[in-house]
N, C-alpha and C. Protein backbone atom coordinates (compact mmCIF):
# COMPACT_ATOMS: atom_id res chain seq x y z
N UNK A 1 -66.76 -49.39 -240.68
CA UNK A 1 -65.98 -48.99 -239.43
C UNK A 1 -64.54 -48.89 -239.82
N UNK A 2 -63.95 -49.86 -240.48
CA UNK A 2 -62.56 -49.78 -240.76
C UNK A 2 -62.17 -48.53 -241.63
N UNK A 3 -63.11 -48.29 -242.62
CA UNK A 3 -62.87 -47.05 -243.58
C UNK A 3 -62.96 -45.85 -242.73
N UNK A 4 -63.83 -45.77 -241.66
CA UNK A 4 -63.98 -44.63 -240.89
C UNK A 4 -62.61 -44.36 -240.04
N UNK A 5 -62.21 -45.49 -239.45
CA UNK A 5 -60.91 -45.44 -238.70
C UNK A 5 -59.77 -44.94 -239.63
N UNK A 6 -59.76 -45.47 -240.82
CA UNK A 6 -58.75 -45.06 -241.76
C UNK A 6 -58.76 -43.67 -242.10
N UNK A 7 -60.07 -43.08 -242.37
CA UNK A 7 -60.13 -41.69 -242.66
C UNK A 7 -59.67 -40.85 -241.46
N UNK A 8 -60.02 -41.31 -240.24
CA UNK A 8 -59.70 -40.55 -238.99
C UNK A 8 -58.09 -40.54 -238.85
N UNK A 9 -57.52 -41.64 -239.10
CA UNK A 9 -56.02 -41.76 -238.99
C UNK A 9 -55.33 -40.93 -240.07
N UNK A 10 -55.91 -40.92 -241.24
CA UNK A 10 -55.34 -40.11 -242.36
C UNK A 10 -55.38 -38.56 -242.02
N UNK A 11 -56.59 -38.27 -241.41
CA UNK A 11 -56.85 -36.87 -241.07
C UNK A 11 -55.87 -36.41 -239.91
N UNK A 12 -55.67 -37.34 -238.96
CA UNK A 12 -54.75 -36.99 -237.91
C UNK A 12 -53.40 -36.86 -238.45
N UNK A 13 -52.89 -37.69 -239.29
CA UNK A 13 -51.54 -37.50 -239.85
C UNK A 13 -51.33 -36.23 -240.67
N UNK A 14 -52.46 -35.94 -241.44
CA UNK A 14 -52.33 -34.72 -242.18
C UNK A 14 -52.35 -33.49 -241.28
N UNK A 15 -53.00 -33.50 -240.23
CA UNK A 15 -52.99 -32.41 -239.16
C UNK A 15 -51.64 -32.38 -238.61
N UNK A 16 -50.97 -33.55 -238.31
CA UNK A 16 -49.70 -33.57 -237.72
C UNK A 16 -48.59 -33.08 -238.66
N UNK A 17 -48.84 -33.46 -239.94
CA UNK A 17 -47.85 -32.95 -240.98
C UNK A 17 -47.84 -31.42 -241.04
N UNK A 18 -49.03 -30.85 -241.07
CA UNK A 18 -49.18 -29.38 -241.14
C UNK A 18 -48.53 -28.71 -239.86
N UNK A 19 -48.81 -29.35 -238.77
CA UNK A 19 -48.21 -28.88 -237.56
C UNK A 19 -46.67 -28.85 -237.63
N UNK A 20 -46.13 -30.00 -237.99
CA UNK A 20 -44.65 -30.17 -238.09
C UNK A 20 -44.05 -29.22 -239.09
N UNK A 21 -44.57 -29.12 -240.24
CA UNK A 21 -43.90 -28.13 -241.19
C UNK A 21 -44.24 -26.75 -240.96
N UNK A 22 -45.50 -26.47 -240.44
CA UNK A 22 -45.87 -25.09 -240.04
C UNK A 22 -44.83 -24.57 -238.99
N UNK A 23 -44.67 -25.43 -237.99
CA UNK A 23 -43.71 -25.04 -236.88
C UNK A 23 -42.29 -24.89 -237.40
N UNK A 24 -41.82 -25.83 -238.38
CA UNK A 24 -40.57 -25.75 -238.95
C UNK A 24 -40.42 -24.39 -239.64
N UNK A 25 -41.42 -24.02 -240.39
CA UNK A 25 -41.37 -22.82 -241.14
C UNK A 25 -41.25 -21.61 -240.34
N UNK A 26 -42.00 -21.59 -239.22
CA UNK A 26 -42.04 -20.45 -238.28
C UNK A 26 -40.59 -20.23 -237.59
N UNK A 27 -39.99 -21.43 -237.14
CA UNK A 27 -38.72 -21.31 -236.45
C UNK A 27 -37.58 -21.16 -237.43
N UNK A 28 -37.78 -21.62 -238.73
CA UNK A 28 -36.73 -21.36 -239.74
C UNK A 28 -36.67 -19.94 -240.09
N UNK A 29 -37.78 -19.24 -240.13
CA UNK A 29 -37.87 -17.80 -240.40
C UNK A 29 -37.30 -17.07 -239.17
N UNK A 30 -37.66 -17.46 -237.98
CA UNK A 30 -37.07 -16.88 -236.74
C UNK A 30 -35.58 -16.98 -236.67
N UNK A 31 -35.11 -18.10 -236.94
CA UNK A 31 -33.69 -18.33 -236.85
C UNK A 31 -33.00 -17.51 -237.99
N UNK A 32 -33.53 -17.36 -239.06
CA UNK A 32 -32.96 -16.56 -240.15
C UNK A 32 -32.89 -15.10 -239.85
N UNK A 33 -33.89 -14.68 -239.21
CA UNK A 33 -34.00 -13.21 -238.79
C UNK A 33 -32.96 -13.05 -237.75
N UNK A 34 -32.88 -13.88 -236.75
CA UNK A 34 -31.82 -13.69 -235.76
C UNK A 34 -30.36 -13.81 -236.27
N UNK A 35 -30.10 -14.68 -237.21
CA UNK A 35 -28.76 -14.79 -237.90
C UNK A 35 -28.44 -13.56 -238.67
N UNK A 36 -29.51 -13.01 -239.46
CA UNK A 36 -29.27 -11.88 -240.29
C UNK A 36 -29.06 -10.57 -239.35
N UNK A 37 -29.76 -10.55 -238.27
CA UNK A 37 -29.60 -9.44 -237.29
C UNK A 37 -28.18 -9.51 -236.64
N UNK A 38 -27.68 -10.69 -236.35
CA UNK A 38 -26.37 -10.87 -235.76
C UNK A 38 -25.33 -10.36 -236.86
N UNK A 39 -25.58 -10.77 -238.11
CA UNK A 39 -24.57 -10.42 -239.16
C UNK A 39 -24.47 -8.87 -239.25
N UNK A 40 -25.57 -8.25 -239.23
CA UNK A 40 -25.62 -6.75 -239.31
C UNK A 40 -24.98 -6.16 -238.06
N UNK A 41 -25.24 -6.68 -236.91
CA UNK A 41 -24.48 -6.18 -235.73
C UNK A 41 -23.05 -6.46 -235.75
N UNK A 42 -22.67 -7.60 -236.44
CA UNK A 42 -21.21 -7.89 -236.54
C UNK A 42 -20.48 -6.87 -237.35
N UNK A 43 -21.09 -6.42 -238.43
CA UNK A 43 -20.56 -5.40 -239.20
C UNK A 43 -20.47 -4.01 -238.53
N UNK A 44 -21.44 -3.71 -237.78
CA UNK A 44 -21.52 -2.45 -236.94
C UNK A 44 -20.35 -2.57 -236.04
N UNK A 45 -20.09 -3.66 -235.33
CA UNK A 45 -18.95 -3.84 -234.33
C UNK A 45 -17.66 -3.71 -234.88
N UNK A 46 -17.57 -4.24 -236.20
CA UNK A 46 -16.24 -4.12 -236.88
C UNK A 46 -15.90 -2.62 -237.16
N UNK A 47 -16.78 -1.98 -237.60
CA UNK A 47 -16.64 -0.44 -237.86
C UNK A 47 -16.37 0.29 -236.55
N UNK A 48 -17.17 -0.04 -235.55
CA UNK A 48 -16.99 0.65 -234.33
C UNK A 48 -17.05 -0.37 -233.12
N UNK A 49 -15.91 -0.72 -232.60
CA UNK A 49 -15.83 -1.72 -231.50
C UNK A 49 -16.55 -1.20 -230.32
N UNK A 50 -16.85 0.02 -230.05
CA UNK A 50 -17.45 0.56 -228.86
C UNK A 50 -18.90 0.77 -229.14
N UNK A 51 -19.41 0.46 -230.29
CA UNK A 51 -20.87 0.65 -230.57
C UNK A 51 -21.79 -0.08 -229.61
N UNK A 52 -22.99 0.61 -229.31
CA UNK A 52 -23.96 -0.05 -228.52
C UNK A 52 -24.89 -0.79 -229.34
N UNK A 53 -24.89 -2.09 -229.36
CA UNK A 53 -25.71 -2.91 -230.22
C UNK A 53 -27.11 -3.06 -229.62
N UNK A 54 -28.04 -3.35 -230.57
CA UNK A 54 -29.48 -3.57 -230.19
C UNK A 54 -29.64 -4.65 -229.20
N UNK A 55 -28.79 -5.65 -229.28
CA UNK A 55 -28.93 -6.76 -228.33
C UNK A 55 -28.04 -6.70 -227.05
N UNK A 56 -27.60 -5.55 -226.87
CA UNK A 56 -26.87 -5.30 -225.62
C UNK A 56 -27.72 -4.55 -224.59
N UNK A 57 -27.94 -5.30 -223.45
CA UNK A 57 -28.89 -4.66 -222.49
C UNK A 57 -28.13 -4.42 -221.14
N UNK A 58 -27.23 -5.34 -220.77
CA UNK A 58 -26.48 -5.13 -219.50
C UNK A 58 -25.19 -5.98 -219.65
N UNK A 59 -24.55 -6.19 -218.48
CA UNK A 59 -23.24 -6.96 -218.50
C UNK A 59 -23.44 -8.40 -218.86
N UNK A 60 -24.62 -8.87 -218.52
CA UNK A 60 -24.92 -10.33 -218.79
C UNK A 60 -25.52 -10.54 -220.18
N UNK A 61 -26.50 -9.81 -220.55
CA UNK A 61 -27.07 -9.89 -221.88
C UNK A 61 -26.37 -8.92 -222.77
N UNK A 62 -25.35 -9.40 -223.47
CA UNK A 62 -24.42 -8.46 -224.16
C UNK A 62 -23.85 -9.27 -225.43
N UNK A 63 -24.44 -9.06 -226.57
CA UNK A 63 -24.02 -9.65 -227.73
C UNK A 63 -22.53 -9.17 -228.12
N UNK A 64 -22.19 -8.00 -227.99
CA UNK A 64 -20.89 -7.41 -228.31
C UNK A 64 -19.78 -8.28 -227.66
N UNK A 65 -19.95 -8.50 -226.34
CA UNK A 65 -18.91 -9.15 -225.63
C UNK A 65 -18.71 -10.67 -226.10
N UNK A 66 -19.86 -11.21 -226.39
CA UNK A 66 -19.76 -12.60 -227.03
C UNK A 66 -19.14 -12.67 -228.37
N UNK A 67 -19.39 -11.68 -229.17
CA UNK A 67 -18.94 -11.67 -230.51
C UNK A 67 -17.36 -11.46 -230.57
N UNK A 68 -16.78 -10.98 -229.50
CA UNK A 68 -15.36 -10.70 -229.52
C UNK A 68 -14.59 -12.01 -229.03
N UNK A 69 -15.34 -13.05 -228.59
CA UNK A 69 -14.63 -14.33 -228.25
C UNK A 69 -14.32 -15.17 -229.32
N UNK A 70 -13.44 -16.13 -229.18
CA UNK A 70 -13.09 -17.09 -230.24
C UNK A 70 -14.24 -18.07 -230.48
N UNK A 71 -15.11 -18.18 -229.50
CA UNK A 71 -16.25 -19.14 -229.80
C UNK A 71 -17.22 -18.61 -230.77
N UNK A 72 -17.16 -17.27 -231.01
CA UNK A 72 -18.05 -16.68 -232.07
C UNK A 72 -17.58 -16.88 -233.47
N UNK A 73 -16.38 -17.37 -233.64
CA UNK A 73 -15.88 -17.64 -234.99
C UNK A 73 -15.08 -18.90 -235.04
N UNK A 74 -15.78 -19.97 -234.59
CA UNK A 74 -15.10 -21.34 -234.49
C UNK A 74 -14.44 -21.86 -235.81
N UNK A 75 -15.03 -21.66 -236.91
CA UNK A 75 -14.49 -22.05 -238.16
C UNK A 75 -13.80 -21.05 -238.96
N UNK A 76 -13.39 -19.92 -238.31
CA UNK A 76 -12.66 -18.93 -239.04
C UNK A 76 -13.56 -17.83 -239.63
N UNK A 77 -14.80 -17.86 -239.42
CA UNK A 77 -15.75 -16.85 -239.86
C UNK A 77 -16.85 -16.83 -238.88
N UNK A 78 -17.53 -15.65 -238.73
CA UNK A 78 -18.70 -15.60 -237.78
C UNK A 78 -19.71 -16.55 -237.90
N UNK A 79 -19.99 -17.15 -236.68
CA UNK A 79 -20.96 -18.38 -236.62
C UNK A 79 -22.38 -17.93 -237.29
N UNK A 80 -22.74 -16.74 -237.29
CA UNK A 80 -24.05 -16.37 -237.83
C UNK A 80 -24.14 -16.63 -239.36
N UNK A 81 -23.02 -16.71 -239.99
CA UNK A 81 -23.00 -17.03 -241.45
C UNK A 81 -23.55 -18.50 -241.75
N UNK A 82 -23.30 -19.29 -240.76
CA UNK A 82 -23.83 -20.68 -240.86
C UNK A 82 -25.38 -20.63 -240.91
N UNK A 83 -25.84 -19.86 -239.97
CA UNK A 83 -27.30 -19.63 -240.03
C UNK A 83 -27.93 -19.14 -241.17
N UNK A 84 -27.23 -18.10 -241.85
CA UNK A 84 -27.61 -17.49 -243.03
C UNK A 84 -27.60 -18.52 -244.20
N UNK A 85 -26.81 -19.50 -244.11
CA UNK A 85 -26.84 -20.54 -245.10
C UNK A 85 -27.83 -21.64 -244.86
N UNK A 86 -27.91 -22.00 -243.54
CA UNK A 86 -28.63 -23.14 -243.17
C UNK A 86 -30.14 -22.86 -243.05
N UNK A 87 -30.55 -21.81 -242.49
CA UNK A 87 -31.93 -21.53 -242.30
C UNK A 87 -32.81 -21.47 -243.59
N UNK A 88 -32.23 -20.82 -244.60
CA UNK A 88 -33.03 -20.88 -245.84
C UNK A 88 -33.25 -22.28 -246.39
N UNK A 89 -32.38 -23.22 -246.08
CA UNK A 89 -32.68 -24.66 -246.42
C UNK A 89 -33.73 -25.20 -245.61
N UNK A 90 -33.80 -24.84 -244.31
CA UNK A 90 -34.93 -25.29 -243.43
C UNK A 90 -36.26 -24.78 -243.91
N UNK A 91 -36.28 -23.42 -244.30
CA UNK A 91 -37.40 -22.90 -244.79
C UNK A 91 -37.95 -23.56 -246.12
N UNK A 92 -37.05 -23.86 -246.82
CA UNK A 92 -37.36 -24.62 -248.13
C UNK A 92 -37.83 -26.01 -247.93
N UNK A 93 -37.41 -26.75 -246.90
CA UNK A 93 -38.01 -28.15 -246.51
C UNK A 93 -39.35 -27.99 -246.01
N UNK A 94 -39.54 -26.92 -245.11
CA UNK A 94 -40.80 -26.61 -244.49
C UNK A 94 -41.95 -26.29 -245.60
N UNK A 95 -41.46 -25.53 -246.61
CA UNK A 95 -42.54 -25.14 -247.67
C UNK A 95 -42.74 -26.42 -248.48
N UNK A 96 -41.84 -27.21 -248.78
CA UNK A 96 -42.03 -28.46 -249.51
C UNK A 96 -42.93 -29.36 -248.76
N UNK A 97 -42.66 -29.46 -247.47
CA UNK A 97 -43.51 -30.25 -246.58
C UNK A 97 -44.95 -29.81 -246.59
N UNK A 98 -45.22 -28.55 -246.48
CA UNK A 98 -46.64 -28.00 -246.44
C UNK A 98 -47.32 -28.11 -247.75
N UNK A 99 -46.49 -28.20 -248.86
CA UNK A 99 -47.05 -28.43 -250.19
C UNK A 99 -47.31 -29.91 -250.53
N UNK A 100 -47.22 -30.74 -249.42
CA UNK A 100 -47.40 -32.24 -249.58
C UNK A 100 -46.38 -33.03 -250.40
N UNK A 101 -45.20 -32.45 -250.58
CA UNK A 101 -44.19 -33.05 -251.27
C UNK A 101 -43.80 -34.31 -250.57
N UNK A 102 -43.45 -35.34 -251.37
CA UNK A 102 -42.95 -36.69 -250.82
C UNK A 102 -41.48 -36.75 -250.73
N UNK A 103 -40.99 -36.80 -249.47
CA UNK A 103 -39.52 -36.74 -249.33
C UNK A 103 -38.91 -38.25 -249.46
N UNK A 104 -37.77 -38.45 -250.14
CA UNK A 104 -37.06 -39.70 -250.04
C UNK A 104 -36.57 -40.00 -248.67
N UNK A 105 -36.49 -41.21 -248.33
CA UNK A 105 -36.06 -41.62 -247.01
C UNK A 105 -34.75 -41.06 -246.70
N UNK A 106 -33.78 -41.12 -247.67
CA UNK A 106 -32.36 -40.62 -247.52
C UNK A 106 -32.36 -39.17 -247.27
N UNK A 107 -33.30 -38.43 -247.85
CA UNK A 107 -33.31 -37.00 -247.70
C UNK A 107 -33.72 -36.62 -246.25
N UNK A 108 -34.70 -37.35 -245.73
CA UNK A 108 -35.09 -36.94 -244.36
C UNK A 108 -34.10 -37.51 -243.30
N UNK A 109 -33.37 -38.66 -243.59
CA UNK A 109 -32.33 -39.07 -242.71
C UNK A 109 -31.21 -38.05 -242.69
N UNK A 110 -30.88 -37.47 -243.93
CA UNK A 110 -29.87 -36.35 -243.96
C UNK A 110 -30.28 -35.12 -243.20
N UNK A 111 -31.58 -34.77 -243.34
CA UNK A 111 -32.14 -33.71 -242.66
C UNK A 111 -32.07 -33.80 -241.14
N UNK A 112 -32.37 -35.06 -240.71
CA UNK A 112 -32.30 -35.33 -239.29
C UNK A 112 -30.86 -35.17 -238.76
N UNK A 113 -29.86 -35.64 -239.51
CA UNK A 113 -28.50 -35.56 -239.07
C UNK A 113 -28.03 -34.09 -239.05
N UNK A 114 -28.42 -33.39 -240.11
CA UNK A 114 -28.04 -31.98 -240.15
C UNK A 114 -28.61 -31.18 -239.12
N UNK A 115 -29.91 -31.35 -238.83
CA UNK A 115 -30.64 -30.62 -237.81
C UNK A 115 -30.00 -30.85 -236.33
N UNK A 116 -29.72 -32.19 -236.18
CA UNK A 116 -29.11 -32.54 -234.85
C UNK A 116 -27.72 -32.00 -234.66
N UNK A 117 -26.99 -32.03 -235.74
CA UNK A 117 -25.59 -31.56 -235.69
C UNK A 117 -25.56 -30.04 -235.46
N UNK A 118 -26.40 -29.29 -236.10
CA UNK A 118 -26.41 -27.85 -235.85
C UNK A 118 -27.06 -27.49 -234.40
N UNK A 119 -27.94 -28.32 -233.96
CA UNK A 119 -28.58 -28.17 -232.70
C UNK A 119 -27.42 -28.39 -231.61
N UNK A 120 -26.63 -29.41 -231.79
CA UNK A 120 -25.63 -29.76 -230.84
C UNK A 120 -24.54 -28.52 -230.81
N UNK A 121 -24.21 -28.00 -231.92
CA UNK A 121 -23.39 -26.83 -232.11
C UNK A 121 -24.00 -25.59 -231.33
N UNK A 122 -25.24 -25.35 -231.53
CA UNK A 122 -25.92 -24.30 -230.86
C UNK A 122 -25.90 -24.51 -229.30
N UNK A 123 -26.05 -25.76 -228.85
CA UNK A 123 -25.93 -26.12 -227.39
C UNK A 123 -24.58 -25.84 -226.92
N UNK A 124 -23.58 -26.21 -227.64
CA UNK A 124 -22.14 -26.09 -227.30
C UNK A 124 -21.91 -24.50 -227.08
N UNK A 125 -22.38 -23.69 -227.96
CA UNK A 125 -22.21 -22.23 -227.87
C UNK A 125 -23.05 -21.79 -226.63
N UNK A 126 -24.27 -22.35 -226.44
CA UNK A 126 -25.00 -21.95 -225.18
C UNK A 126 -24.34 -22.21 -223.92
N UNK A 127 -23.79 -23.46 -223.81
CA UNK A 127 -23.15 -23.84 -222.57
C UNK A 127 -21.83 -23.07 -222.35
N UNK A 128 -21.19 -22.76 -223.47
CA UNK A 128 -19.85 -21.92 -223.45
C UNK A 128 -20.22 -20.55 -222.97
N UNK A 129 -21.34 -20.04 -223.41
CA UNK A 129 -21.78 -18.73 -223.00
C UNK A 129 -22.01 -18.69 -221.53
N UNK A 130 -22.83 -19.63 -221.04
CA UNK A 130 -23.28 -19.69 -219.71
C UNK A 130 -22.10 -19.97 -218.69
N UNK A 131 -21.26 -20.90 -219.01
CA UNK A 131 -20.27 -21.33 -218.04
C UNK A 131 -18.87 -20.86 -218.28
N UNK A 132 -18.53 -20.47 -219.51
CA UNK A 132 -17.13 -20.19 -219.75
C UNK A 132 -17.05 -18.57 -220.03
N UNK A 133 -17.71 -18.07 -221.03
CA UNK A 133 -17.75 -16.68 -221.28
C UNK A 133 -18.55 -15.96 -220.15
N UNK A 134 -19.59 -16.57 -219.73
CA UNK A 134 -20.53 -16.07 -218.62
C UNK A 134 -21.13 -14.73 -219.07
N UNK A 135 -21.43 -14.66 -220.34
CA UNK A 135 -22.17 -13.60 -220.86
C UNK A 135 -23.11 -14.14 -221.99
N UNK A 136 -24.34 -13.67 -222.08
CA UNK A 136 -25.27 -14.25 -223.00
C UNK A 136 -25.59 -13.30 -224.12
N UNK A 137 -25.76 -13.87 -225.30
CA UNK A 137 -26.07 -13.19 -226.51
C UNK A 137 -27.67 -13.42 -226.75
N UNK A 138 -28.47 -12.52 -226.56
CA UNK A 138 -29.97 -12.73 -226.74
C UNK A 138 -30.24 -13.34 -228.12
N UNK A 139 -29.75 -12.85 -229.24
CA UNK A 139 -30.09 -13.36 -230.59
C UNK A 139 -29.64 -14.75 -230.72
N UNK A 140 -28.47 -15.12 -229.98
CA UNK A 140 -27.94 -16.52 -229.98
C UNK A 140 -28.86 -17.39 -229.34
N UNK A 141 -29.50 -16.87 -228.19
CA UNK A 141 -30.44 -17.74 -227.51
C UNK A 141 -31.69 -17.97 -228.34
N UNK A 142 -32.05 -17.00 -229.23
CA UNK A 142 -33.18 -17.20 -230.06
C UNK A 142 -32.86 -18.36 -231.10
N UNK A 143 -31.63 -18.41 -231.57
CA UNK A 143 -31.15 -19.41 -232.53
C UNK A 143 -31.17 -20.76 -231.89
N UNK A 144 -30.69 -20.85 -230.55
CA UNK A 144 -30.73 -22.11 -229.87
C UNK A 144 -32.14 -22.61 -229.62
N UNK A 145 -32.98 -21.68 -229.25
CA UNK A 145 -34.43 -22.15 -229.12
C UNK A 145 -34.98 -22.57 -230.41
N UNK A 146 -34.65 -21.83 -231.45
CA UNK A 146 -35.22 -22.27 -232.80
C UNK A 146 -34.71 -23.57 -233.25
N UNK A 147 -33.41 -23.82 -233.00
CA UNK A 147 -32.87 -25.14 -233.46
C UNK A 147 -33.50 -26.26 -232.57
N UNK A 148 -33.78 -26.04 -231.29
CA UNK A 148 -34.30 -26.99 -230.42
C UNK A 148 -35.69 -27.40 -231.02
N UNK A 149 -36.56 -26.45 -231.38
CA UNK A 149 -37.86 -26.70 -232.05
C UNK A 149 -37.82 -27.43 -233.32
N UNK A 150 -36.83 -26.97 -234.14
CA UNK A 150 -36.62 -27.54 -235.44
C UNK A 150 -36.22 -29.06 -235.39
N UNK A 151 -35.33 -29.35 -234.50
CA UNK A 151 -34.94 -30.70 -234.26
C UNK A 151 -36.16 -31.58 -233.70
N UNK A 152 -36.93 -30.98 -232.88
CA UNK A 152 -38.19 -31.56 -232.34
C UNK A 152 -39.20 -31.97 -233.45
N UNK A 153 -39.28 -30.98 -234.35
CA UNK A 153 -40.38 -31.20 -235.36
C UNK A 153 -39.85 -32.28 -236.42
N UNK A 154 -38.54 -32.20 -236.82
CA UNK A 154 -38.10 -33.12 -237.83
C UNK A 154 -38.08 -34.49 -237.27
N UNK A 155 -37.73 -34.56 -235.97
CA UNK A 155 -37.73 -35.91 -235.32
C UNK A 155 -39.09 -36.50 -235.17
N UNK A 156 -40.01 -35.64 -234.86
CA UNK A 156 -41.49 -36.13 -234.85
C UNK A 156 -41.93 -36.71 -236.15
N UNK A 157 -41.68 -35.95 -237.25
CA UNK A 157 -42.04 -36.39 -238.56
C UNK A 157 -41.32 -37.61 -238.82
N UNK A 158 -40.02 -37.79 -238.72
CA UNK A 158 -39.34 -39.06 -239.08
C UNK A 158 -39.81 -40.21 -238.21
N UNK A 159 -40.11 -40.06 -237.02
CA UNK A 159 -40.58 -41.10 -236.17
C UNK A 159 -41.99 -41.53 -236.60
N UNK A 160 -42.83 -40.58 -236.88
CA UNK A 160 -44.25 -40.85 -237.32
C UNK A 160 -44.19 -41.61 -238.69
N UNK A 161 -43.30 -41.19 -239.57
CA UNK A 161 -43.14 -41.80 -240.87
C UNK A 161 -42.32 -43.06 -240.93
N UNK A 162 -41.85 -43.52 -239.74
CA UNK A 162 -40.83 -44.65 -239.68
C UNK A 162 -39.77 -44.44 -240.63
N UNK A 163 -39.14 -43.26 -240.73
CA UNK A 163 -37.98 -43.04 -241.55
C UNK A 163 -36.84 -43.92 -241.26
N UNK A 164 -36.73 -44.25 -239.98
CA UNK A 164 -35.54 -45.04 -239.52
C UNK A 164 -35.74 -46.61 -239.65
N UNK A 165 -36.88 -47.00 -240.18
CA UNK A 165 -37.10 -48.46 -240.48
C UNK A 165 -37.24 -49.17 -239.19
N UNK A 166 -38.01 -48.91 -238.20
CA UNK A 166 -38.22 -49.68 -236.98
C UNK A 166 -39.13 -50.85 -237.31
N UNK A 167 -39.09 -51.94 -236.46
CA UNK A 167 -40.01 -52.96 -236.70
C UNK A 167 -41.47 -52.54 -236.41
N UNK A 168 -42.44 -53.18 -236.92
CA UNK A 168 -43.83 -52.86 -236.63
C UNK A 168 -44.27 -52.61 -235.30
N UNK A 169 -43.82 -53.68 -234.43
CA UNK A 169 -44.20 -53.57 -233.02
C UNK A 169 -43.55 -52.22 -232.34
N UNK A 170 -42.38 -51.98 -232.68
CA UNK A 170 -41.73 -50.84 -232.17
C UNK A 170 -42.28 -49.58 -232.65
N UNK A 171 -42.66 -49.60 -233.92
CA UNK A 171 -43.25 -48.36 -234.56
C UNK A 171 -44.65 -48.05 -233.99
N UNK A 172 -45.43 -49.13 -233.69
CA UNK A 172 -46.68 -48.93 -233.08
C UNK A 172 -46.57 -48.26 -231.65
N UNK A 173 -45.55 -48.72 -230.93
CA UNK A 173 -45.26 -48.05 -229.62
C UNK A 173 -44.91 -46.63 -229.83
N UNK A 174 -44.07 -46.38 -230.84
CA UNK A 174 -43.63 -44.99 -231.06
C UNK A 174 -44.82 -44.06 -231.43
N UNK A 175 -45.70 -44.53 -232.26
CA UNK A 175 -46.86 -43.87 -232.71
C UNK A 175 -47.82 -43.59 -231.52
N UNK A 176 -47.94 -44.53 -230.55
CA UNK A 176 -48.73 -44.23 -229.40
C UNK A 176 -48.07 -43.23 -228.50
N UNK A 177 -46.74 -43.24 -228.48
CA UNK A 177 -46.00 -42.24 -227.69
C UNK A 177 -46.29 -40.84 -228.28
N UNK A 178 -46.20 -40.73 -229.60
CA UNK A 178 -46.37 -39.46 -230.23
C UNK A 178 -47.84 -38.98 -230.21
N UNK A 179 -48.79 -40.00 -230.20
CA UNK A 179 -50.20 -39.54 -230.08
C UNK A 179 -50.49 -38.87 -228.66
N UNK A 180 -49.71 -39.28 -227.74
CA UNK A 180 -49.79 -38.77 -226.35
C UNK A 180 -49.05 -37.58 -226.17
N UNK A 181 -48.44 -37.06 -227.27
CA UNK A 181 -47.55 -35.90 -227.10
C UNK A 181 -46.37 -36.01 -226.26
N UNK A 182 -45.89 -37.31 -226.14
CA UNK A 182 -44.69 -37.55 -225.28
C UNK A 182 -43.42 -36.79 -225.73
N UNK A 183 -43.29 -36.70 -227.14
CA UNK A 183 -42.02 -35.94 -227.54
C UNK A 183 -42.20 -34.48 -227.34
N UNK A 184 -43.39 -33.95 -227.31
CA UNK A 184 -43.49 -32.49 -227.03
C UNK A 184 -43.27 -32.17 -225.59
N UNK A 185 -43.61 -33.12 -224.76
CA UNK A 185 -43.39 -33.05 -223.29
C UNK A 185 -41.84 -33.01 -222.98
N UNK A 186 -41.14 -33.89 -223.71
CA UNK A 186 -39.67 -33.95 -223.56
C UNK A 186 -39.06 -32.70 -224.10
N UNK A 187 -39.53 -32.14 -225.20
CA UNK A 187 -38.92 -30.85 -225.71
C UNK A 187 -39.19 -29.75 -224.73
N UNK A 188 -40.42 -29.66 -224.19
CA UNK A 188 -40.82 -28.66 -223.33
C UNK A 188 -39.97 -28.73 -221.98
N UNK A 189 -39.81 -29.99 -221.46
CA UNK A 189 -38.99 -30.19 -220.25
C UNK A 189 -37.57 -29.74 -220.42
N UNK A 190 -37.06 -30.08 -221.70
CA UNK A 190 -35.57 -29.63 -221.97
C UNK A 190 -35.44 -28.09 -221.99
N UNK A 191 -36.34 -27.45 -222.60
CA UNK A 191 -36.41 -25.97 -222.57
C UNK A 191 -36.44 -25.40 -221.31
N UNK A 192 -37.40 -25.86 -220.45
CA UNK A 192 -37.55 -25.53 -219.10
C UNK A 192 -36.08 -25.61 -218.31
N UNK A 193 -35.50 -26.79 -218.58
CA UNK A 193 -34.17 -27.06 -217.94
C UNK A 193 -33.15 -25.97 -218.33
N UNK A 194 -33.08 -25.69 -219.64
CA UNK A 194 -32.24 -24.63 -220.09
C UNK A 194 -32.37 -23.26 -219.49
N UNK A 195 -33.72 -22.95 -219.43
CA UNK A 195 -34.01 -21.69 -218.84
C UNK A 195 -33.64 -21.72 -217.28
N UNK A 196 -33.91 -22.79 -216.69
CA UNK A 196 -33.55 -22.94 -215.23
C UNK A 196 -32.06 -22.74 -215.00
N UNK A 197 -31.25 -23.32 -215.90
CA UNK A 197 -29.80 -23.30 -215.80
C UNK A 197 -29.25 -21.78 -215.94
N UNK A 198 -29.89 -21.06 -216.77
CA UNK A 198 -29.57 -19.60 -216.91
C UNK A 198 -29.87 -18.78 -215.76
N UNK A 199 -31.05 -19.05 -215.16
CA UNK A 199 -31.47 -18.35 -213.98
C UNK A 199 -30.56 -18.84 -212.79
N UNK A 200 -30.34 -20.04 -212.70
CA UNK A 200 -29.42 -20.49 -211.63
C UNK A 200 -28.12 -19.90 -211.62
N UNK A 201 -27.62 -19.75 -212.84
CA UNK A 201 -26.22 -19.18 -213.07
C UNK A 201 -26.24 -17.54 -212.87
N UNK A 202 -27.15 -16.87 -213.45
CA UNK A 202 -27.11 -15.44 -213.37
C UNK A 202 -28.06 -14.75 -212.49
N UNK A 203 -29.19 -15.39 -212.15
CA UNK A 203 -30.11 -14.78 -211.29
C UNK A 203 -30.57 -13.46 -211.57
N UNK A 204 -30.63 -12.57 -210.60
CA UNK A 204 -31.04 -11.10 -210.82
C UNK A 204 -30.18 -10.32 -211.74
N UNK A 205 -28.96 -10.84 -212.03
CA UNK A 205 -28.08 -10.04 -212.87
C UNK A 205 -28.61 -10.06 -214.33
N UNK A 206 -29.49 -10.91 -214.73
CA UNK A 206 -30.16 -10.81 -215.92
C UNK A 206 -30.93 -9.55 -216.18
N UNK A 207 -31.44 -9.04 -215.11
CA UNK A 207 -32.29 -7.75 -215.12
C UNK A 207 -31.65 -6.48 -214.50
N UNK A 208 -30.30 -6.57 -214.24
CA UNK A 208 -29.68 -5.50 -213.68
C UNK A 208 -29.47 -4.37 -214.63
């Protein structure tokens, strides 16, 4: 009986690991594509400030307008270059995870910190676009969504593996929470909230 339960638990963890790193790989690639596309659009805009970019649909969904703001180059260079450097690292971690590589605790703690910091930066850009610039960059929204999913996946893995060193009683509660997909519900609720904020702010102007 105990051996059967052990095998079942091991199988569930293996499935969860594949889901975590498979999702991480998918959104790492998605974020890289979005960052690369934005970099190409940036070069086009430099050559021709009046160019019609592929991500410009109307006055609200307009990458060109966002690219011309100071928020688009916070560190003195276009923000998409951060994505071009960061997302390949995410893809590497995902591939290592899918290959069953064993990560040192310090590595996953560092990954968690990095993912969270970049996600917070993406949210800062998102809220700046919604409430200050009042124009949205579609590809930037893709990056924000990708970072949300990436943080959700790495946090799920770290909580499941007890990377943060919680006590056994706390860890058991966390594992029960994860088994009921509590973290996925939180992530889904957060994304729904972000979408609701966009529609509440812009309404029908999104489709004008």
